[in-house]
Amino acid sequence: MEVRVQNKKATPLSGINPVIAEIGERLQSQPNVWLQKLRDDPGSFADLEKSVHHAFRQMADQVVAGLLAQATGDADFAQSAKKK
């Protein structure tokens, strides 16, 4: 099964490892952006909180998609799913 995160034209995921690597990169840079935004505009805290929650929901969705891609990449998965 081909699993894509963004849209139908996006590159299919090959498994969980590339997803984890991408999330790691986001977690290295994104907190600095959030911190700077909060320092520049303390009144934006409520919007910032929503942005942080949204980002982590997206990352969770990516992890689930990566797991699905890896699990369904094996031909045995389809046979196993048919048996249940």
N, C-alpha and C. Protein backbone atom coordinates (compact mmCIF):
# COMPACT_ATOMS: atom_id res chain seq x y z
N MET A 1 0.85 -1.17 0.00
CA MET A 1 0.00 0.00 0.00
C MET A 1 0.90 1.24 0.00
N GLU A 2 0.55 2.21 -0.82
CA GLU A 2 1.29 3.47 -0.83
C GLU A 2 0.63 4.43 0.16
N VAL A 3 1.44 4.99 1.04
CA VAL A 3 0.95 5.94 2.03
C VAL A 3 1.63 7.28 1.79
N ARG A 4 0.83 8.32 1.68
CA ARG A 4 1.33 9.68 1.46
C ARG A 4 0.77 10.57 2.55
N VAL A 5 1.55 11.56 2.95
CA VAL A 5 1.12 12.44 4.05
C VAL A 5 0.47 13.72 3.53
N GLN A 6 1.08 14.38 2.59
CA GLN A 6 0.61 15.70 2.17
C GLN A 6 -0.57 15.64 1.21
N ASN A 7 -0.37 14.97 0.08
CA ASN A 7 -1.40 14.89 -0.94
C ASN A 7 -1.08 13.73 -1.87
N LYS A 8 -1.91 13.53 -2.88
CA LYS A 8 -1.72 12.40 -3.78
C LYS A 8 -0.46 12.49 -4.61
N LYS A 9 0.08 13.68 -4.77
CA LYS A 9 1.30 13.86 -5.57
C LYS A 9 2.57 13.76 -4.72
N ALA A 10 2.41 13.71 -3.40
CA ALA A 10 3.58 13.62 -2.52
C ALA A 10 4.26 12.27 -2.69
N THR A 11 5.53 12.24 -2.38
CA THR A 11 6.30 11.00 -2.44
C THR A 11 5.76 10.01 -1.41
N PRO A 12 5.52 8.76 -1.80
CA PRO A 12 5.04 7.78 -0.83
C PRO A 12 6.07 7.55 0.28
N LEU A 13 5.57 7.33 1.48
CA LEU A 13 6.47 7.04 2.60
C LEU A 13 7.01 5.63 2.46
N SER A 14 8.26 5.45 2.86
CA SER A 14 8.86 4.12 2.79
C SER A 14 8.85 3.42 4.13
N GLY A 15 8.52 4.14 5.19
CA GLY A 15 8.51 3.54 6.51
C GLY A 15 8.62 4.60 7.58
N ILE A 16 8.86 4.17 8.78
CA ILE A 16 8.88 5.08 9.93
C ILE A 16 10.19 5.85 10.06
N ASN A 17 11.30 5.30 9.65
CA ASN A 17 12.60 5.96 9.87
C ASN A 17 12.71 7.33 9.21
N PRO A 18 12.32 7.49 7.94
CA PRO A 18 12.39 8.83 7.36
C PRO A 18 11.47 9.83 8.07
N VAL A 19 10.35 9.34 8.55
CA VAL A 19 9.42 10.21 9.28
C VAL A 19 10.05 10.68 10.58
N ILE A 20 10.66 9.77 11.30
CA ILE A 20 11.31 10.11 12.57
C ILE A 20 12.44 11.12 12.32
N ALA A 21 13.18 10.94 11.25
CA ALA A 21 14.27 11.88 10.93
C ALA A 21 13.72 13.27 10.65
N GLU A 22 12.65 13.34 9.89
CA GLU A 22 12.06 14.64 9.57
C GLU A 22 11.50 15.31 10.83
N ILE A 23 10.87 14.54 11.67
CA ILE A 23 10.34 15.10 12.92
C ILE A 23 11.49 15.60 13.80
N GLY A 24 12.57 14.87 13.83
CA GLY A 24 13.74 15.29 14.60
C GLY A 24 14.27 16.64 14.12
N GLU A 25 14.30 16.82 12.81
CA GLU A 25 14.74 18.10 12.26
C GLU A 25 13.80 19.22 12.67
N ARG A 26 12.51 18.95 12.61
CA ARG A 26 11.53 19.97 13.01
C ARG A 26 11.69 20.32 14.49
N LEU A 27 11.93 19.31 15.31
CA LEU A 27 12.06 19.55 16.74
C LEU A 27 13.36 20.27 17.09
N GLN A 28 14.33 20.24 16.20
CA GLN A 28 15.56 20.99 16.41
C GLN A 28 15.38 22.47 16.14
N SER A 29 14.55 22.81 15.16
CA SER A 29 14.43 24.21 14.75
C SER A 29 13.17 24.90 15.26
N GLN A 30 12.07 24.20 15.27
CA GLN A 30 10.79 24.83 15.58
C GLN A 30 10.72 25.49 16.96
N PRO A 31 11.22 24.87 18.03
CA PRO A 31 11.14 25.53 19.34
C PRO A 31 11.82 26.90 19.37
N ASN A 32 12.89 27.06 18.62
CA ASN A 32 13.55 28.37 18.57
C ASN A 32 12.66 29.41 17.92
N VAL A 33 11.94 29.02 16.89
CA VAL A 33 11.00 29.92 16.22
C VAL A 33 9.88 30.30 17.18
N TRP A 34 9.34 29.32 17.86
CA TRP A 34 8.26 29.59 18.82
C TRP A 34 8.73 30.50 19.94
N LEU A 35 9.92 30.24 20.46
CA LEU A 35 10.46 31.06 21.54
C LEU A 35 10.66 32.50 21.10
N GLN A 36 11.20 32.70 19.90
CA GLN A 36 11.41 34.05 19.39
C GLN A 36 10.09 34.77 19.20
N LYS A 37 9.10 34.05 18.70
CA LYS A 37 7.78 34.65 18.51
C LYS A 37 7.21 35.11 19.86
N LEU A 38 7.35 34.30 20.87
CA LEU A 38 6.83 34.64 22.19
C LEU A 38 7.59 35.83 22.79
N ARG A 39 8.89 35.86 22.57
CA ARG A 39 9.68 37.00 23.06
C ARG A 39 9.29 38.29 22.35
N ASP A 40 9.06 38.18 21.04
CA ASP A 40 8.71 39.37 20.25
C ASP A 40 7.29 39.86 20.53
N ASP A 41 6.41 38.93 20.84
CA ASP A 41 5.00 39.28 21.04
C ASP A 41 4.39 38.41 22.13
N PRO A 42 4.63 38.76 23.40
CA PRO A 42 4.09 37.95 24.50
C PRO A 42 2.56 37.80 24.43
N GLY A 43 1.88 38.75 23.84
CA GLY A 43 0.43 38.68 23.72
C GLY A 43 -0.06 37.61 22.76
N SER A 44 0.86 37.03 22.01
CA SER A 44 0.48 36.00 21.04
C SER A 44 0.50 34.60 21.64
N PHE A 45 0.60 34.52 22.97
CA PHE A 45 0.74 33.22 23.61
C PHE A 45 -0.39 32.25 23.25
N ALA A 46 -1.62 32.71 23.25
CA ALA A 46 -2.74 31.80 22.94
C ALA A 46 -2.62 31.25 21.51
N ASP A 47 -2.26 32.10 20.57
CA ASP A 47 -2.07 31.63 19.19
C ASP A 47 -0.87 30.71 19.09
N LEU A 48 0.18 31.02 19.83
CA LEU A 48 1.37 30.18 19.83
C LEU A 48 1.06 28.79 20.37
N GLU A 49 0.28 28.75 21.44
CA GLU A 49 -0.10 27.46 22.02
C GLU A 49 -0.85 26.61 20.99
N LYS A 50 -1.75 27.23 20.25
CA LYS A 50 -2.47 26.51 19.20
C LYS A 50 -1.52 26.01 18.12
N SER A 51 -0.53 26.82 17.77
CA SER A 51 0.45 26.42 16.75
C SER A 51 1.27 25.22 17.21
N VAL A 52 1.65 25.23 18.48
CA VAL A 52 2.44 24.11 19.01
C VAL A 52 1.60 22.84 18.99
N HIS A 53 0.36 22.93 19.45
CA HIS A 53 -0.51 21.75 19.44
C HIS A 53 -0.74 21.25 18.02
N HIS A 54 -0.94 22.16 17.10
CA HIS A 54 -1.14 21.78 15.70
C HIS A 54 0.10 21.06 15.14
N ALA A 55 1.27 21.60 15.44
CA ALA A 55 2.51 20.99 14.95
C ALA A 55 2.67 19.57 15.48
N PHE A 56 2.37 19.36 16.75
CA PHE A 56 2.51 18.02 17.32
C PHE A 56 1.44 17.06 16.81
N ARG A 57 0.25 17.55 16.51
CA ARG A 57 -0.77 16.69 15.88
C ARG A 57 -0.29 16.25 14.51
N GLN A 58 0.31 17.18 13.77
CA GLN A 58 0.84 16.83 12.44
C GLN A 58 1.94 15.78 12.56
N MET A 59 2.82 15.96 13.55
CA MET A 59 3.90 14.99 13.73
C MET A 59 3.33 13.62 14.12
N ALA A 60 2.31 13.60 14.96
CA ALA A 60 1.68 12.33 15.33
C ALA A 60 1.07 11.66 14.11
N ASP A 61 0.42 12.45 13.26
CA ASP A 61 -0.16 11.90 12.03
C ASP A 61 0.93 11.33 11.13
N GLN A 62 2.07 12.00 11.07
CA GLN A 62 3.18 11.51 10.25
C GLN A 62 3.72 10.19 10.80
N VAL A 63 3.81 10.08 12.11
CA VAL A 63 4.29 8.83 12.72
C VAL A 63 3.34 7.69 12.37
N VAL A 64 2.05 7.92 12.52
CA VAL A 64 1.06 6.89 12.20
C VAL A 64 1.16 6.51 10.73
N ALA A 65 1.30 7.48 9.85
CA ALA A 65 1.43 7.20 8.42
C ALA A 65 2.70 6.39 8.14
N GLY A 66 3.80 6.75 8.80
CA GLY A 66 5.04 6.00 8.62
C GLY A 66 4.92 4.56 9.09
N LEU A 67 4.25 4.37 10.22
CA LEU A 67 4.02 3.01 10.72
C LEU A 67 3.16 2.21 9.75
N LEU A 68 2.11 2.85 9.23
CA LEU A 68 1.23 2.19 8.28
C LEU A 68 1.99 1.82 7.01
N ALA A 69 2.80 2.74 6.53
CA ALA A 69 3.59 2.47 5.32
C ALA A 69 4.53 1.30 5.53
N GLN A 70 5.18 1.26 6.68
CA GLN A 70 6.12 0.19 6.94
C GLN A 70 5.40 -1.14 7.14
N ALA A 71 4.29 -1.12 7.86
CA ALA A 71 3.55 -2.36 8.11
C ALA A 71 2.94 -2.93 6.85
N THR A 72 2.44 -2.07 5.98
CA THR A 72 1.75 -2.55 4.78
C THR A 72 2.69 -2.77 3.61
N GLY A 73 3.94 -2.41 3.77
CA GLY A 73 4.91 -2.60 2.69
C GLY A 73 5.24 -4.06 2.45
N ASP A 74 4.99 -4.89 3.44
CA ASP A 74 5.29 -6.31 3.35
C ASP A 74 4.10 -7.05 2.74
N ALA A 75 4.35 -7.92 1.81
CA ALA A 75 3.27 -8.67 1.15
C ALA A 75 2.49 -9.52 2.14
N ASP A 76 3.12 -9.94 3.22
CA ASP A 76 2.43 -10.76 4.23
C ASP A 76 1.33 -9.96 4.92
N PHE A 77 1.44 -8.64 4.94
CA PHE A 77 0.43 -7.82 5.62
C PHE A 77 -0.94 -8.01 4.97
N ALA A 78 -0.99 -7.97 3.65
CA ALA A 78 -2.26 -8.11 2.95
C ALA A 78 -2.87 -9.48 3.22
N GLN A 79 -2.06 -10.50 3.23
CA GLN A 79 -2.57 -11.86 3.51
C GLN A 79 -3.09 -11.94 4.94
N SER A 80 -2.37 -11.36 5.87
CA SER A 80 -2.77 -11.38 7.27
C SER A 80 -4.06 -10.61 7.48
N ALA A 81 -4.19 -9.46 6.81
CA ALA A 81 -5.39 -8.64 6.93
C ALA A 81 -6.61 -9.36 6.37
N LYS A 82 -6.42 -10.12 5.31
CA LYS A 82 -7.54 -10.86 4.71
C LYS A 82 -8.05 -11.97 5.63
N LYS A 83 -7.16 -12.53 6.44
CA LYS A 83 -7.53 -13.63 7.33
C LYS A 83 -8.38 -13.15 8.50
N LYS A 84 -8.30 -11.87 8.83
CA LYS A 84 -8.99 -11.37 10.04
C LYS A 84 -10.31 -10.81 9.77
